[in-house]
Protein backbone atom coordinates (compact mmCIF):
# COMPACT_ATOMS: atom_id res chain seq x y z
CA MET A 1 25.90 1.08 -6.26
CA LYS A 2 24.75 4.19 -4.33
CA ARG A 3 27.77 3.44 -2.03
CA ARG A 4 30.09 4.23 -4.98
CA GLN A 5 28.00 7.27 -6.47
CA PHE A 6 28.39 8.97 -2.90
CA VAL A 7 31.81 8.41 -2.13
CA GLN A 8 33.19 8.68 -5.72
CA GLY A 9 30.81 9.86 -7.95
CA THR A 10 31.03 13.20 -9.54
CA ALA A 11 27.44 14.03 -9.27
CA ALA A 12 27.28 13.20 -5.59
CA ALA A 13 30.34 15.43 -4.95
CA ALA A 14 28.29 18.25 -6.84
CA VAL A 15 25.53 18.12 -5.07
CA LEU A 16 27.21 17.97 -1.63
CA GLY A 17 29.22 20.71 -2.82
CA ALA A 18 32.71 19.55 -2.11
CA PRO A 19 34.79 22.16 -1.30
CA HIS A 20 38.84 22.56 -3.02
CA LEU A 21 41.28 23.01 0.20
CA SER A 22 44.13 24.94 -0.04
CA GLY A 23 47.48 23.26 0.21
CA LEU A 24 48.27 25.93 2.29
CA ALA A 25 46.12 24.21 5.37
CA GLN A 26 47.98 23.25 8.42
CA GLN A 27 44.83 21.61 10.90
CA THR A 28 44.51 17.61 11.11
CA VAL A 29 42.17 16.67 13.23
CA THR A 30 40.72 13.18 14.36
CA LEU A 31 36.96 12.52 15.11
CA LYS A 32 35.29 10.15 17.14
CA PHE A 33 32.17 8.54 15.29
CA HIS A 34 30.10 6.54 17.80
CA THR A 35 26.57 4.51 17.18
CA PHE A 36 24.83 1.75 18.50
CA MET A 37 24.52 0.10 14.87
CA ALA A 38 26.75 -3.17 14.36
CA PRO A 39 29.79 -3.19 12.61
CA MET A 40 28.26 -5.51 9.94
CA SER A 41 24.75 -3.79 9.63
CA ASN A 42 24.06 -2.23 6.41
CA VAL A 43 23.90 1.08 8.28
CA TRP A 44 27.43 1.38 9.36
CA LEU A 45 29.03 -0.41 5.98
CA THR A 46 26.58 1.70 3.29
CA MET A 47 26.16 4.97 5.13
CA HIS A 48 28.13 5.66 8.09
CA LYS A 49 31.67 4.36 6.54
CA PRO A 50 31.10 6.05 2.98
CA TRP A 51 30.18 9.11 4.64
CA MET A 52 33.40 9.39 6.83
CA GLU A 53 35.68 8.15 4.03
CA LYS A 54 34.09 10.83 1.76
CA VAL A 55 34.88 13.80 4.74
CA GLU A 56 38.39 12.45 4.96
CA LYS A 57 39.11 12.54 0.86
CA ASP A 58 36.87 15.93 0.97
CA SER A 59 39.62 17.34 3.55
CA GLY A 60 42.52 15.86 1.72
CA GLY A 61 43.25 13.72 4.72
CA ARG A 62 43.14 16.40 7.11
CA ILE A 63 40.13 15.09 9.03
CA LYS A 64 40.09 11.44 9.98
CA PHE A 65 37.94 9.28 11.76
CA GLU A 66 37.71 6.79 14.34
CA GLY A 67 34.75 4.80 13.81
CA TYR A 68 33.30 2.98 16.85
CA PRO A 69 29.76 0.95 16.15
CA ALA A 70 28.06 -1.02 18.83
CA MET A 71 28.74 1.03 21.48
CA GLN A 72 32.49 0.43 21.55
CA LEU A 73 33.13 3.78 23.50
CA GLY A 74 30.64 2.65 26.55
CA GLY A 75 27.15 3.62 27.40
CA THR A 76 23.90 2.81 26.02
CA PRO A 77 22.30 3.99 22.98
CA VAL A 78 19.85 6.32 24.98
CA GLN A 79 23.04 8.07 25.89
CA LEU A 80 24.56 8.70 22.61
CA TYR A 81 23.20 12.14 22.21
CA ASP A 82 24.31 13.50 25.57
CA GLN A 83 27.77 11.83 24.35
CA ALA A 84 27.85 14.25 21.27
CA ARG A 85 26.46 17.10 23.51
CA ASP A 86 28.99 16.80 26.24
CA GLY A 87 32.11 16.18 23.93
CA VAL A 88 32.53 12.33 25.15
CA VAL A 89 32.47 11.70 21.57
CA ASP A 90 32.79 13.95 18.47
CA ILE A 91 29.71 12.73 16.33
CA VAL A 92 26.93 10.33 16.95
CA TRP A 93 24.13 8.66 14.86
CA THR A 94 21.13 7.84 17.14
CA LEU A 95 17.44 8.11 17.04
CA PRO A 96 15.91 11.13 19.13
CA GLY A 97 13.12 8.87 20.26
CA ASN A 98 15.37 7.08 22.18
CA THR A 99 14.64 9.83 24.85
CA ALA A 100 10.98 9.86 25.04
CA GLY A 101 9.63 12.89 24.41
CA ARG A 102 12.69 14.84 24.59
CA PHE A 103 12.65 16.01 20.81
CA PRO A 104 8.80 16.42 20.60
CA ARG A 105 8.23 18.29 17.67
CA VAL A 106 10.20 15.87 15.25
CA GLU A 107 8.04 12.84 16.33
CA ALA A 108 5.71 14.36 13.78
CA PHE A 109 7.43 12.18 11.06
CA GLU A 110 6.82 9.08 13.43
CA LEU A 111 3.18 8.88 13.34
CA PRO A 112 1.31 6.26 11.56
CA PHE A 113 0.97 5.97 7.80
CA MET A 114 3.28 9.45 7.37
CA MET A 115 5.60 8.21 4.65
CA ASN A 116 6.71 5.50 1.89
CA ASN A 117 9.77 7.12 0.57
CA ALA A 118 12.74 7.38 2.81
CA GLU A 119 14.61 9.87 0.66
CA ALA A 120 11.63 12.14 -0.08
CA THR A 121 10.77 12.30 3.67
CA SER A 122 14.27 12.75 4.86
CA LYS A 123 14.32 15.83 2.52
CA ALA A 124 10.94 16.97 4.37
CA TYR A 125 12.62 16.26 7.87
CA TRP A 126 15.47 18.31 7.25
CA GLU A 127 13.42 21.15 5.94
CA TYR A 128 10.84 20.83 9.03
CA VAL A 129 13.38 21.18 11.39
CA GLN A 130 14.92 24.23 9.86
CA THR A 131 11.52 25.90 9.46
CA GLN A 132 9.36 24.68 12.07
CA ALA A 133 11.76 23.62 14.88
CA PRO A 134 15.31 25.12 14.51
CA ASP A 135 16.23 25.12 18.19
CA GLU A 136 15.17 21.15 18.46
CA PHE A 137 18.57 19.92 18.70
CA LYS A 138 20.49 23.22 19.90
CA GLU A 139 22.67 21.55 22.00
CA THR A 140 24.61 19.90 19.31
CA HIS A 141 25.46 21.00 15.36
CA VAL A 142 23.14 18.97 13.58
CA ILE A 143 24.88 17.34 10.35
CA ALA A 144 22.16 15.42 8.97
CA LEU A 145 18.49 14.19 9.79
CA HIS A 146 16.88 11.21 8.07
CA VAL A 147 14.31 8.54 8.12
CA HIS A 148 14.45 4.55 7.58
CA GLY A 149 12.19 2.71 4.83
CA PRO A 150 8.74 1.54 5.54
CA GLY A 151 8.61 -0.31 8.78
CA MET A 152 6.71 -3.43 9.30
CA PHE A 153 6.10 -6.44 11.21
CA HIS A 154 8.23 -9.59 12.19
CA SER A 155 6.70 -12.20 14.50
CA ALA A 156 7.97 -15.59 16.14
CA THR A 157 4.58 -16.60 17.43
CA LYS A 158 2.24 -16.35 14.34
CA GLN A 159 1.31 -14.76 11.11
CA ILE A 160 -0.25 -11.31 11.73
CA ARG A 161 -2.57 -11.01 8.82
CA SER A 162 -5.22 -8.51 10.59
CA VAL A 163 -5.23 -6.07 13.46
CA ALA A 164 -7.13 -8.64 15.14
CA ASP A 165 -4.07 -10.91 15.27
CA LEU A 166 -2.27 -8.31 17.19
CA ARG A 167 -4.64 -8.51 20.17
CA GLY A 168 -2.55 -9.26 23.29
CA MET A 169 0.85 -9.79 21.18
CA LYS A 170 4.01 -8.45 22.65
CA VAL A 171 5.29 -6.06 19.84
CA ARG A 172 8.69 -4.16 20.18
CA GLY A 173 8.55 -0.65 19.15
CA PRO A 174 11.43 1.58 18.54
CA THR A 175 9.94 5.25 20.18
CA ARG A 176 7.00 6.83 21.91
CA GLN A 177 4.82 7.55 19.27
CA ILE A 178 5.30 3.93 17.57
CA THR A 179 4.67 2.11 20.77
CA LYS A 180 1.29 4.37 21.05
CA MET A 181 0.48 3.09 17.48
CA LEU A 182 1.12 -0.33 18.52
CA GLY A 183 -1.00 0.03 21.23
CA SER A 184 -3.99 1.52 19.13
CA VAL A 185 -4.14 -1.40 17.16
CA GLY A 186 -4.66 -3.76 19.93
CA ALA A 187 -0.74 -4.99 20.75
CA THR A 188 0.91 -4.77 24.09
CA PRO A 189 3.66 -2.47 23.06
CA VAL A 190 7.27 -2.80 24.38
CA GLY A 191 9.22 -0.12 23.67
CA MET A 192 13.29 -1.01 23.69
CA PRO A 193 16.43 -0.29 21.54
CA LEU A 194 17.28 -1.81 18.27
CA PRO A 195 20.05 -3.90 19.79
CA ALA A 196 18.04 -5.58 22.55
CA ILE A 197 15.57 -6.88 19.85
CA THR A 198 17.72 -10.40 19.48
CA ASP A 199 18.01 -11.26 23.05
CA ALA A 200 14.33 -10.45 23.57
CA LEU A 201 13.02 -12.52 20.91
CA SER A 202 15.09 -15.48 21.84
CA LYS A 203 13.89 -15.47 25.42
CA GLY A 204 10.11 -14.90 24.33
CA THR A 205 10.03 -11.22 26.02
CA ILE A 206 8.70 -10.04 23.12
CA ASP A 207 6.55 -12.00 20.02
CA ALA A 208 7.39 -9.97 17.70
CA CYS A 209 9.28 -6.36 16.58
CA ALA A 210 8.49 -3.93 14.23
CA ILE A 211 11.61 -2.57 11.91
CA PRO A 212 12.18 -1.83 8.55
CA TRP A 213 13.52 -4.95 6.16
CA GLU A 214 17.25 -3.74 6.04
CA VAL A 215 18.14 -4.10 9.52
CA VAL A 216 16.35 -7.75 9.76
CA PRO A 217 19.90 -9.69 8.91
CA SER A 218 22.39 -7.60 11.47
CA ILE A 219 20.22 -8.22 14.68
CA LYS A 220 19.19 -11.78 13.28
CA VAL A 221 15.50 -11.35 13.03
CA HIS A 222 15.05 -13.81 9.94
CA GLU A 223 16.47 -16.48 11.93
CA LEU A 224 14.40 -15.85 15.48
CA THR A 225 11.15 -15.05 13.41
CA LYS A 226 9.21 -17.31 10.92
CA PHE A 227 6.45 -14.55 10.24
CA HIS A 228 6.62 -11.37 8.40
CA SER A 229 3.58 -8.87 7.59
CA GLU A 230 4.30 -6.00 5.12
CA PHE A 231 2.15 -3.28 3.42
CA ASP A 232 2.59 -2.79 -0.29
CA ASN A 233 4.45 0.65 -1.46
CA THR A 234 1.51 1.81 -3.37
CA GLY A 235 0.43 3.78 -0.07
CA ALA A 236 1.82 4.84 3.20
CA ALA A 237 4.07 2.94 5.41
CA LEU A 238 3.09 1.56 8.94
CA TYR A 239 5.53 3.91 10.43
CA THR A 240 9.11 5.35 10.20
CA THR A 241 11.69 6.29 12.53
CA THR A 242 13.80 9.65 12.59
CA PHE A 243 17.43 9.71 12.98
CA VAL A 244 19.84 12.65 13.69
CA MET A 245 23.48 12.71 12.94
CA ALA A 246 25.09 15.40 15.37
CA MET A 247 28.47 16.75 16.21
CA ASN A 248 29.79 18.25 19.24
CA THR A 249 29.38 22.03 18.86
CA ALA A 250 32.34 23.19 20.40
CA LYS A 251 34.44 20.69 18.14
CA TYR A 252 32.91 21.91 15.14
CA ASN A 253 33.64 25.49 16.08
CA SER A 254 37.12 24.52 16.88
CA LEU A 255 37.64 23.39 13.31
CA ALA A 256 39.46 25.56 10.55
CA PRO A 257 37.58 27.29 8.21
CA ASP A 258 38.20 25.38 5.59
CA LEU A 259 37.49 22.18 7.58
CA LYS A 260 34.13 23.58 8.66
CA ARG A 261 33.28 23.82 4.83
CA VAL A 262 34.27 20.09 4.52
CA ILE A 263 31.97 19.17 6.90
CA ASP A 264 29.08 21.60 6.13
CA ALA A 265 29.54 20.18 2.27
CA ASN A 266 28.63 16.68 3.38
CA SER A 267 25.73 17.92 5.91
CA GLY A 268 22.18 18.91 4.93
CA MET A 269 19.30 18.26 2.81
CA ALA A 270 21.75 16.30 0.28
CA ALA A 271 23.28 14.50 3.07
CA SER A 272 20.03 13.51 4.78
CA ALA A 273 18.56 12.46 1.49
CA TRP A 274 21.06 10.10 0.78
CA LEU A 275 21.40 8.48 3.95
CA GLY A 276 17.36 7.71 3.67
CA LYS A 277 17.67 6.93 0.35
CA THR A 278 20.71 4.26 1.03
CA GLN A 279 18.86 3.04 3.90
CA GLN A 280 15.44 2.29 2.18
CA SER A 281 17.69 0.79 -0.65
CA ASN A 282 18.93 -1.81 1.71
CA ASP A 283 15.48 -3.43 2.31
CA PRO A 284 15.45 -5.94 -0.39
CA ALA A 285 18.29 -7.73 0.62
CA GLY A 286 16.76 -7.59 4.15
CA ARG A 287 13.88 -9.15 2.94
CA LYS A 288 15.64 -11.63 0.91
CA THR A 289 17.45 -13.33 3.79
CA ALA A 290 13.66 -14.14 5.43
CA VAL A 291 12.79 -15.67 1.77
CA ASP A 292 15.89 -17.63 1.80
CA ARG A 293 15.05 -19.11 4.96
CA GLY A 294 11.58 -20.10 3.82
CA ASN A 295 9.78 -17.72 6.13
CA THR A 296 6.39 -16.76 5.42
CA ILE A 297 5.67 -12.84 4.32
CA TYR A 298 2.14 -11.57 4.12
CA GLN A 299 0.99 -8.35 2.50
CA PHE A 300 -1.83 -6.35 3.71
CA THR A 301 -4.46 -5.36 1.60
CA ALA A 302 -5.63 -1.84 0.81
CA ALA A 303 -8.97 -2.62 3.18
CA GLN A 304 -6.67 -3.84 6.11
CA ARG A 305 -4.20 -0.59 5.48
CA ASP A 306 -7.51 1.66 5.67
CA GLU A 307 -8.45 -0.09 8.91
CA PHE A 308 -4.74 0.21 10.40
CA ILE A 309 -5.35 3.92 9.59
CA LYS A 310 -8.80 4.44 11.15
CA LEU A 311 -7.62 2.69 14.12
CA SER A 312 -4.42 4.87 14.78
CA GLY A 313 -5.80 8.07 14.10
CA ASN A 314 -6.06 8.80 17.77
CA VAL A 315 -2.14 8.78 18.06
CA ASP A 316 -2.19 11.93 15.54
CA ASP A 317 -4.95 13.55 17.94
CA GLU A 318 -2.80 12.81 20.80
CA TRP A 319 0.35 14.16 19.65
CA VAL A 320 -1.14 17.45 18.23
CA ALA A 321 -3.03 17.92 21.76
CA ASP A 322 0.77 17.40 23.15
CA MET A 323 2.41 19.76 21.48
CA ASP A 324 -0.56 22.25 22.04
CA LYS A 325 0.12 21.68 25.99
CA ARG A 326 3.98 22.43 25.33
CA GLY A 327 2.96 25.69 23.70
CA PHE A 328 3.72 24.84 19.89
CA LYS A 329 0.60 24.85 17.25
CA GLY A 330 0.42 21.13 17.00
CA ALA A 331 -2.00 20.97 13.87
CA GLN A 332 0.15 23.47 12.21
CA LEU A 333 3.22 21.32 12.96
CA LEU A 334 1.61 18.09 11.62
CA SER A 335 -0.12 19.71 8.70
CA THR A 336 3.44 21.21 7.51
CA ALA A 337 5.02 18.13 7.95
CA LYS A 338 2.36 16.40 5.41
CA ALA A 339 2.98 19.22 3.01
CA LEU A 340 6.66 18.90 2.67
CA ILE A 341 6.43 15.16 2.52
CA ALA A 342 4.39 15.43 -0.58
CA LYS A 343 6.15 18.43 -1.63
CA HIS A 344 9.55 16.65 -1.93
CA GLY A 345 7.66 13.22 -2.96
CA LYS A 346 7.07 15.15 -6.19
CA GLY A 347 10.66 16.16 -6.84
């Protein structure tokens, strides 16, 4: 399995450049890793824990982790990035989009119908930030940047078979650009962090949510909804969400040189691609939970995809205009993001 390849496999070790540590090294460091994901979620079990285990192994046990899923160290998901910035914790995994408009240039990857392969798009996202927005996360030391697999609709009230079915439906979206997309196709967008979805569906605060398949079991969406609507994998996905794994800069700088090399060897494009690939690889298992409950899954036609793309095109235009107002070249950023996704999709 992919977890085994990353944690134990020689191929993964070669790709990520695991360093050989000197037996003379002295320093031992314990790092606190904090995130909002549930302890039984695929993200925690197949991405975060294996990453931490590999760093511990590569360091010869001189880097140790205390893992805190489900906001166990306090605060809210919206505060995670600042917790890493301020040194409240050492490493976080979170959504830049939790703080709307704070990291505007990376929103290019959250625009409608940008991707359908998380591994390739994660590589593109990493390269884009290095070349187009190197100061976007300047308040922290960035370890990895990635996206999840294709997002789709999960509804408690009715089957979504067309754009028309979305009109008036209260649909949860994770970030600013995705809620704009939901509004552009006629839904009533409701922004909220992932952990809030379970309560919102159970109370009827929302009628549906937009999330990828892999996260469905951990927040019981397969139990709280009966209908699912997806796009096939022959074209671009409805949306994806960007993630950042970031470390407190002072903590990183305090590490011994060889321990810095361990972190560096488990960072960057290769680590970003692995995270994206692993997250999307959990989609089939998430989908199966809905199938096993007898839920109804609808797949949009190519013509319906085209209608969604047409109606949501204004979201791209508004983002470009927003970037221009902020002093960035919006059209260039968008075209670069698309070109990088295409480039890495060929590899």
